[in-house]
C-alpha atoms as a PDB file:
ATOM      1  CA  MET A   1      12.001  -6.718  14.232  1.00  0.00           C
ATOM      2  CA  ARG A   2       9.833  -3.707  13.599  1.00  0.00           C
ATOM      3  CA  GLN A   3       6.449  -3.699  15.285  1.00  0.00           C
ATOM      4  CA  SER A   4       3.155  -2.175  14.122  1.00  0.00           C
ATOM      5  CA  LEU A   5       2.529   1.537  14.467  1.00  0.00           C
ATOM      6  CA  PHE A   6      -1.108   0.895  15.232  1.00  0.00           C
ATOM      7  CA  LYS A   7      -1.237  -2.306  17.291  1.00  0.00           C
ATOM      8  CA  ASN A   8      -2.060  -0.260  20.370  1.00  0.00           C
ATOM      9  CA  PHE A   9      -4.845   1.542  18.512  1.00  0.00           C
ATOM     10  CA  PHE A  10      -6.504  -1.598  17.176  1.00  0.00           C
ATOM     11  CA  PHE A  11      -5.557  -4.448  19.464  1.00  0.00           C
ATOM     12  CA  GLY A  12      -4.620  -2.930  22.836  1.00  0.00           C
ATOM     13  CA  LYS A  13      -1.013  -4.139  22.745  1.00  0.00           C
ATOM     14  CA  THR A  14       2.012  -2.046  23.594  1.00  0.00           C
ATOM     15  CA  ALA A  15       2.935  -0.040  20.480  1.00  0.00           C
ATOM     16  CA  LYS A  16       6.520   0.115  19.238  1.00  0.00           C
ATOM     17  CA  SER A  17       7.687   2.326  16.398  1.00  0.00           C
ATOM     18  CA  VAL A  18       8.312   0.666  13.042  1.00  0.00           C
ATOM     19  CA  ILE A  19      10.085   3.723  11.714  1.00  0.00           C
ATOM     20  CA  SER A  20      13.569   4.624  12.862  1.00  0.00           C
ATOM     21  CA  SER A  21      13.255   8.338  12.193  1.00  0.00           C
ATOM     22  CA  GLN A  22      12.334  10.430  15.212  1.00  0.00           C
ATOM     23  CA  ILE A  23      10.526  12.794  12.865  1.00  0.00           C
ATOM     24  CA  VAL A  24       8.143  10.119  11.714  1.00  0.00           C
ATOM     25  CA  HIS A  25       7.814   8.683  15.217  1.00  0.00           C
ATOM     26  CA  ALA A  26       6.675  12.009  16.610  1.00  0.00           C
ATOM     27  CA  ALA A  27       4.294  12.594  13.721  1.00  0.00           C
ATOM     28  CA  VAL A  28       2.651   9.217  14.147  1.00  0.00           C
ATOM     29  CA  LEU A  29       2.150   9.736  17.861  1.00  0.00           C
ATOM     30  CA  SER A  30       0.443  13.047  17.164  1.00  0.00           C
ATOM     31  CA  LEU A  31      -2.149  11.280  15.022  1.00  0.00           C
ATOM     32  CA  SER A  32      -4.109  10.199  18.083  1.00  0.00           C
ATOM     33  CA  LEU A  33      -6.208  13.323  17.488  1.00  0.00           C
ATOM     34  CA  LEU A  34      -9.193  12.916  15.181  1.00  0.00           C
ATOM     35  CA  ILE A  35      -8.763  14.165  11.601  1.00  0.00           C
ATOM     36  CA  PRO A  36     -11.466  16.331   9.991  1.00  0.00           C
ATOM     37  CA  ALA A  37     -14.586  14.570   8.730  1.00  0.00           C
ATOM     38  CA  SER A  38     -14.223  13.302   5.172  1.00  0.00           C
ATOM     39  CA  LEU A  39     -15.136  10.438   2.903  1.00  0.00           C
ATOM     40  CA  ALA A  40     -12.076   8.574   4.124  1.00  0.00           C
ATOM     41  CA  GLU A  41     -13.064   9.022   7.765  1.00  0.00           C
ATOM     42  CA  ALA A  42     -16.652   8.045   7.014  1.00  0.00           C
ATOM     43  CA  GLN A  43     -15.392   4.763   5.615  1.00  0.00           C
ATOM     44  CA  THR A  44     -14.055   3.719   9.003  1.00  0.00           C
ATOM     45  CA  LEU A  45     -17.542   4.150  10.434  1.00  0.00           C
ATOM     46  CA  ALA A  46     -19.295   2.096   7.789  1.00  0.00           C
ATOM     47  CA  SER A  47     -19.775  -1.586   8.515  1.00  0.00           C
ATOM     48  CA  LEU A  48     -18.544  -2.822   5.130  1.00  0.00           C
ATOM     49  CA  PRO A  49     -18.187  -1.411   1.601  1.00  0.00           C
ATOM     50  CA  PRO A  50     -20.421  -2.689  -1.211  1.00  0.00           C
ATOM     51  CA  ALA A  51     -19.195  -5.900  -2.809  1.00  0.00           C
ATOM     52  CA  GLY A  52     -16.999  -5.303  -5.845  1.00  0.00           C
ATOM     53  CA  GLN A  53     -15.008  -7.289  -8.374  1.00  0.00           C
ATOM     54  CA  SER A  54     -11.527  -8.770  -8.554  1.00  0.00           C
ATOM     55  CA  ILE A  55      -8.910  -7.954 -11.185  1.00  0.00           C
ATOM     56  CA  GLY A  56      -7.899 -10.907 -13.320  1.00  0.00           C
ATOM     57  CA  ASP A  57      -4.272 -11.335 -14.346  1.00  0.00           C
ATOM     58  CA  ALA A  58      -3.037 -12.142 -17.835  1.00  0.00           C
ATOM     59  CA  GLY A  59       0.282 -13.960 -17.488  1.00  0.00           C
ATOM     60  CA  LYS A  60       3.785 -12.959 -16.458  1.00  0.00           C
ATOM     61  CA  ALA A  61       5.093  -9.394 -16.581  1.00  0.00           C
ATOM     62  CA  LYS A  62       8.524  -7.796 -16.234  1.00  0.00           C
ATOM     63  CA  PRO A  63       9.147  -6.342 -12.759  1.00  0.00           C
ATOM     64  CA  ILE A  64       9.901  -2.675 -12.153  1.00  0.00           C
ATOM     65  CA  LEU A  65      13.665  -2.263 -11.691  1.00  0.00           C
ATOM     66  CA  GLY A  66      13.120  -0.299  -8.481  1.00  0.00           C
ATOM     67  CA  TRP A  67      11.233  -3.298  -7.080  1.00  0.00           C
ATOM     68  CA  VAL A  68      14.054  -5.695  -8.037  1.00  0.00           C
ATOM     69  CA  LYS A  69      16.613  -3.597  -6.167  1.00  0.00           C
ATOM     70  CA  PHE A  70      14.240  -3.200  -3.211  1.00  0.00           C
ATOM     71  CA  CYS A  71      13.916  -6.991  -3.007  1.00  0.00           C
ATOM     72  CA  GLU A  72      17.685  -7.346  -2.872  1.00  0.00           C
ATOM     73  CA  ARG A  73      17.694  -5.164   0.253  1.00  0.00           C
ATOM     74  CA  TYR A  74      14.469  -6.514   1.781  1.00  0.00           C
ATOM     75  CA  PRO A  75      13.978 -10.077   0.496  1.00  0.00           C
ATOM     76  CA  SER A  76      11.316 -10.877   3.100  1.00  0.00           C
ATOM     77  CA  GLU A  77       9.143  -8.065   1.709  1.00  0.00           C
ATOM     78  CA  CYS A  78       9.047  -9.767  -1.698  1.00  0.00           C
ATOM     79  CA  ALA A  79       8.863 -13.429  -0.693  1.00  0.00           C
ATOM     80  CA  VAL A  80       5.529 -15.164  -1.302  1.00  0.00           C
ATOM     81  CA  ASN A  81       4.214 -17.571   1.319  1.00  0.00           C
ATOM     82  CA  THR A  82       1.757 -19.779  -0.572  1.00  0.00           C
ATOM     83  CA  ALA A  83       0.433 -21.079   2.750  1.00  0.00           C
ATOM     84  CA  GLU A  84      -1.132 -17.666   3.364  1.00  0.00           C
ATOM     85  CA  ALA A  85      -4.624 -16.813   2.169  1.00  0.00           C
ATOM     86  CA  GLN A  86      -4.892 -15.163  -1.263  1.00  0.00           C
ATOM     87  CA  THR A  87      -7.767 -12.965  -0.095  1.00  0.00           C
ATOM     88  CA  ILE A  88      -8.668 -11.222   3.141  1.00  0.00           C
ATOM     89  CA  GLU A  89     -11.993 -12.003   4.780  1.00  0.00           C
ATOM     90  CA  LEU A  90     -13.425  -8.515   5.038  1.00  0.00           C
ATOM     91  CA  THR A  91     -15.055  -7.825   8.394  1.00  0.00           C
ATOM     92  CA  PRO A  92     -15.975  -4.434   9.893  1.00  0.00           C
ATOM     93  CA  GLN A  93     -12.870  -4.606  12.118  1.00  0.00           C
ATOM     94  CA  VAL A  94     -10.566  -5.402   9.179  1.00  0.00           C
ATOM     95  CA  TRP A  95     -12.141  -2.675   7.043  1.00  0.00           C
ATOM     96  CA  LYS A  96     -11.576  -0.169   9.837  1.00  0.00           C
ATOM     97  CA  LEU A  97      -7.949  -1.269  10.097  1.00  0.00           C
ATOM     98  CA  ILE A  98      -7.363  -0.908   6.345  1.00  0.00           C
ATOM     99  CA  THR A  99      -8.997   2.508   5.986  1.00  0.00           C
ATOM    100  CA  SER A 100      -7.400   3.905   9.136  1.00  0.00           C
ATOM    101  CA  VAL A 101      -3.882   2.795   8.182  1.00  0.00           C
ATOM    102  CA  ASN A 102      -4.349   4.257   4.717  1.00  0.00           C
ATOM    103  CA  GLN A 103      -5.381   7.692   5.919  1.00  0.00           C
ATOM    104  CA  ARG A 104      -2.908   7.834   8.806  1.00  0.00           C
ATOM    105  CA  VAL A 105       0.125   6.977   6.648  1.00  0.00           C
ATOM    106  CA  ASN A 106      -1.064   9.458   4.008  1.00  0.00           C
ATOM    107  CA  SER A 107      -1.267  12.209   6.609  1.00  0.00           C
ATOM    108  CA  THR A 108       2.086  11.332   8.199  1.00  0.00           C
ATOM    109  CA  ILE A 109       4.448  11.007   5.230  1.00  0.00           C
ATOM    110  CA  ARG A 110       5.342  13.979   3.034  1.00  0.00           C
ATOM    111  CA  ALA A 111       5.172  13.246  -0.691  1.00  0.00           C
ATOM    112  CA  VAL A 112       8.374  13.993  -2.616  1.00  0.00           C
ATOM    113  CA  THR A 113       9.733  12.541  -5.845  1.00  0.00           C
ATOM    114  CA  ASP A 114      12.785  10.289  -5.745  1.00  0.00           C
ATOM    115  CA  ILE A 115      14.727  12.739  -7.901  1.00  0.00           C
ATOM    116  CA  ASP A 116      14.162  15.475  -5.294  1.00  0.00           C
ATOM    117  CA  HIS A 117      14.629  13.118  -2.362  1.00  0.00           C
ATOM    118  CA  TRP A 118      17.562  10.957  -3.454  1.00  0.00           C
ATOM    119  CA  GLY A 119      18.763  12.413  -6.754  1.00  0.00           C
ATOM    120  CA  VAL A 120      17.694   9.320  -8.722  1.00  0.00           C
ATOM    121  CA  VAL A 121      14.634   8.728 -10.892  1.00  0.00           C
ATOM    122  CA  ASP A 122      13.161   5.750  -9.056  1.00  0.00           C
ATOM    123  CA  ILE A 123      14.097   3.958  -5.840  1.00  0.00           C
ATOM    124  CA  TRP A 124      11.762   1.798  -3.750  1.00  0.00           C
ATOM    125  CA  SER A 125      12.225   2.021   0.000  1.00  0.00           C
ATOM    126  CA  PHE A 126      10.504   2.739   3.299  1.00  0.00           C
ATOM    127  CA  PRO A 127       9.938   6.426   4.160  1.00  0.00           C
ATOM    128  CA  ASP A 128      12.018   6.260   7.328  1.00  0.00           C
ATOM    129  CA  ASP A 129      12.793   9.988   7.262  1.00  0.00           C
ATOM    130  CA  GLY A 130       9.158  11.003   6.875  1.00  0.00           C
ATOM    131  CA  LYS A 131       9.359  11.564   3.103  1.00  0.00           C
ATOM    132  CA  GLY A 132       8.727   9.357   0.096  1.00  0.00           C
ATOM    133  CA  ASP A 133       6.926   8.886  -3.185  1.00  0.00           C
ATOM    134  CA  CYS A 134       4.001   6.674  -4.151  1.00  0.00           C
ATOM    135  CA  GLU A 135       5.515   3.210  -3.714  1.00  0.00           C
ATOM    136  CA  ASP A 136       7.136   4.168  -0.401  1.00  0.00           C
ATOM    137  CA  PHE A 137       3.719   5.041   1.045  1.00  0.00           C
ATOM    138  CA  GLN A 138       2.262   1.720  -0.069  1.00  0.00           C
ATOM    139  CA  LEU A 139       5.205  -0.368   1.179  1.00  0.00           C
ATOM    140  CA  LEU A 140       4.818   1.164   4.629  1.00  0.00           C
ATOM    141  CA  LYS A 141       1.053   0.547   4.631  1.00  0.00           C
ATOM    142  CA  ARG A 142       1.584  -3.088   3.715  1.00  0.00           C
ATOM    143  CA  ARG A 143       4.182  -3.572   6.427  1.00  0.00           C
ATOM    144  CA  ILE A 144       1.849  -2.124   9.064  1.00  0.00           C
ATOM    145  CA  LEU A 145      -1.127  -4.173   7.883  1.00  0.00           C
ATOM    146  CA  ALA A 146       0.938  -7.375   7.751  1.00  0.00           C
ATOM    147  CA  GLU A 147       2.186  -6.760  11.280  1.00  0.00           C
ATOM    148  CA  ASN A 148      -1.439  -6.403  12.334  1.00  0.00           C
ATOM    149  CA  GLY A 149      -2.172  -9.891  11.036  1.00  0.00           C
ATOM    150  CA  LEU A 150      -3.312  -9.440   7.424  1.00  0.00           C
ATOM    151  CA  PRO A 151      -1.779 -11.901   4.915  1.00  0.00           C
ATOM    152  CA  ARG A 152       0.948 -10.225   2.877  1.00  0.00           C
ATOM    153  CA  ARG A 153       0.042 -12.491  -0.031  1.00  0.00           C
ATOM    154  CA  ALA A 154      -3.321 -10.719  -0.330  1.00  0.00           C
ATOM    155  CA  MET A 155      -1.672  -7.271  -0.494  1.00  0.00           C
ATOM    156  CA  ARG A 156       0.037  -6.723  -3.829  1.00  0.00           C
ATOM    157  CA  MET A 157       2.085  -3.765  -5.021  1.00  0.00           C
ATOM    158  CA  THR A 158       0.523  -2.642  -8.286  1.00  0.00           C
ATOM    159  CA  VAL A 159       1.644  -0.397 -11.161  1.00  0.00           C
ATOM    160  CA  VAL A 160      -0.918   1.763 -12.933  1.00  0.00           C
ATOM    161  CA  ILE A 161      -1.094   4.669 -15.355  1.00  0.00           C
ATOM    162  CA  ASP A 162      -2.640   7.558 -13.450  1.00  0.00           C
ATOM    163  CA  GLU A 163      -4.794  10.506 -14.454  1.00  0.00           C
ATOM    164  CA  LEU A 164      -1.688  12.357 -15.676  1.00  0.00           C
ATOM    165  CA  GLY A 165      -0.649   9.491 -17.925  1.00  0.00           C
ATOM    166  CA  GLU A 166       2.307   8.676 -15.655  1.00  0.00           C
ATOM    167  CA  GLY A 167       3.483   5.510 -13.930  1.00  0.00           C
ATOM    168  CA  HIS A 168       2.148   5.286 -10.374  1.00  0.00           C
ATOM    169  CA  ALA A 169       2.234   2.644  -7.604  1.00  0.00           C
ATOM    170  CA  VAL A 170      -0.734   1.659  -5.452  1.00  0.00           C
ATOM    171  CA  LEU A 171      -1.418  -1.222  -3.070  1.00  0.00           C
ATOM    172  CA  THR A 172      -4.133  -3.662  -4.130  1.00  0.00           C
ATOM    173  CA  ILE A 173      -5.914  -5.381  -1.250  1.00  0.00           C
ATOM    174  CA  ARG A 174      -7.590  -8.598  -2.400  1.00  0.00           C
ATOM    175  CA  THR A 175     -10.650  -9.295  -0.236  1.00  0.00           C
ATOM    176  CA  SER A 176     -13.767 -11.410  -0.067  1.00  0.00           C
ATOM    177  CA  GLN A 177     -15.626  -8.278  -1.225  1.00  0.00           C
ATOM    178  CA  GLY A 178     -13.418  -7.694  -4.267  1.00  0.00           C
ATOM    179  CA  ASP A 179     -10.162  -5.803  -4.874  1.00  0.00           C
ATOM    180  CA  TYR A 180      -9.612  -2.419  -3.203  1.00  0.00           C
ATOM    181  CA  VAL A 181      -6.849   0.128  -3.711  1.00  0.00           C
ATOM    182  CA  LEU A 182      -4.768   2.021  -1.154  1.00  0.00           C
ATOM    183  CA  ASP A 183      -3.335   5.161  -2.709  1.00  0.00           C
ATOM    184  CA  ASN A 184      -1.380   8.121  -1.386  1.00  0.00           C
ATOM    185  CA  LYS A 185      -3.337  10.463  -3.678  1.00  0.00           C
ATOM    186  CA  THR A 186      -6.524   9.888  -1.705  1.00  0.00           C
ATOM    187  CA  SER A 187      -7.344   8.587   1.738  1.00  0.00           C
ATOM    188  CA  ALA A 188     -10.547   6.981   0.450  1.00  0.00           C
ATOM    189  CA  VAL A 189     -10.067   3.254  -0.125  1.00  0.00           C
ATOM    190  CA  LEU A 190     -11.716   2.632  -3.491  1.00  0.00           C
ATOM    191  CA  PRO A 191     -12.700  -0.418  -5.522  1.00  0.00           C
ATOM    192  CA  TRP A 192     -10.036  -0.844  -8.192  1.00  0.00           C
ATOM    193  CA  ASP A 193     -12.480  -0.027 -11.010  1.00  0.00           C
ATOM    194  CA  ARG A 194     -13.456   3.319  -9.471  1.00  0.00           C
ATOM    195  CA  THR A 195      -9.986   4.873  -9.383  1.00  0.00           C
ATOM    196  CA  GLY A 196      -9.871   5.907 -13.038  1.00  0.00           C
ATOM    197  CA  TYR A 197      -6.451   4.264 -13.432  1.00  0.00           C
ATOM    198  CA  VAL A 198      -5.245   1.914 -16.155  1.00  0.00           C
ATOM    199  CA  TYR A 199      -3.985  -1.230 -14.439  1.00  0.00           C
ATOM    200  CA  ILE A 200      -0.695  -2.512 -15.871  1.00  0.00           C
ATOM    201  CA  LYS A 201       0.770  -5.165 -13.562  1.00  0.00           C
ATOM    202  CA  ARG A 202       1.135  -6.265  -9.965  1.00  0.00           C
ATOM    203  CA  GLU A 203       3.152  -8.629  -7.811  1.00  0.00           C
ATOM    204  CA  SER A 204       2.287 -12.276  -8.305  1.00  0.00           C
ATOM    205  CA  GLN A 205       0.531 -14.149  -5.505  1.00  0.00           C
ATOM    206  CA  ASN A 206       2.388 -17.359  -6.331  1.00  0.00           C
ATOM    207  CA  VAL A 207       6.049 -16.447  -6.902  1.00  0.00           C
ATOM    208  CA  ALA A 208       8.407 -13.528  -6.312  1.00  0.00           C
ATOM    209  CA  GLY A 209       7.582 -11.882  -9.624  1.00  0.00           C
ATOM    210  CA  TRP A 210       4.915  -9.877 -11.434  1.00  0.00           C
ATOM    211  CA  VAL A 211       1.810 -10.588 -13.512  1.00  0.00           C
ATOM    212  CA  SER A 212       0.183  -8.493 -16.229  1.00  0.00           C
ATOM    213  CA  LEU A 213      -3.216  -6.910 -15.629  1.00  0.00           C
ATOM    214  CA  GLY A 214      -3.882  -6.323 -19.300  1.00  0.00           C
ATOM    215  CA  GLY A 215      -2.822  -2.676 -19.600  1.00  0.00           C
ATOM    216  CA  VAL A 216      -1.110  -1.948 -22.913  1.00  0.00           C
ATOM    217  CA  THR A 217       1.527   0.556 -21.770  1.00  0.00           C
ATOM    218  CA  SER A 218       4.075  -0.658 -19.227  1.00  0.00           C
ATOM    219  CA  PRO A 219       6.020   2.083 -17.383  1.00  0.00           C
ATOM    220  CA  THR A 220       9.597   1.366 -16.356  1.00  0.00           C
ATOM    221  CA  THR A 221       9.347   3.516 -13.208  1.00  0.00           C
ATOM    222  CA  THR A 222       6.815   4.781 -10.692  1.00  0.00           C
ATOM    223  CA  ALA A 223       8.477   8.139 -10.418  1.00  0.00           C
ATOM    224  CA  ASN A 224       5.701  10.546  -9.465  1.00  0.00           C
ATOM    225  CA  ARG A 225       4.651  11.447  -5.939  1.00  0.00           C
END
């Protein structure tokens, strides 16, 4: 079973690679050096972000086809354990973990579209070769965070319409301080209502399926980088 990339960084345990590719393995190891100062880096130094709001759902929604096929290959990634907490108790240590994983994955993986990468419009997978598009970034972040002890049930893949009017995937982290978004377009972890996105749907917290977030337009793919 794959282990966390950052367990050694956060918890002092022996780190094992979660990515089979030697390219990605080497890149992750090189990230022990500090990145330049930025808003994202400043977040890891702050005790906690200001309290925000949660996104309410509005009934069932049709899943993205790429997600359905991903679940066939990785059923454990889509299963919902209702015994897990629905929200994460946000402490300074947890906030540091979330922001650090977000910026480190963003700086490690190279963004490419699925059509350039695989020759298909939309495929959900892990970026094992060091390349991927939006959902691949977020799936890897969730795997790392879950392996560091955060409840998968509180981390939901989410489909939005971005600033270009295109379908885009982000990872919504549901916390005691409100809902925050991990995004490969920025290494700043933002409250969901400060991203500028239109929220369409996300994975359900109760079943292996999706719920609507009230957005009118529903993309069939998350095909941009």
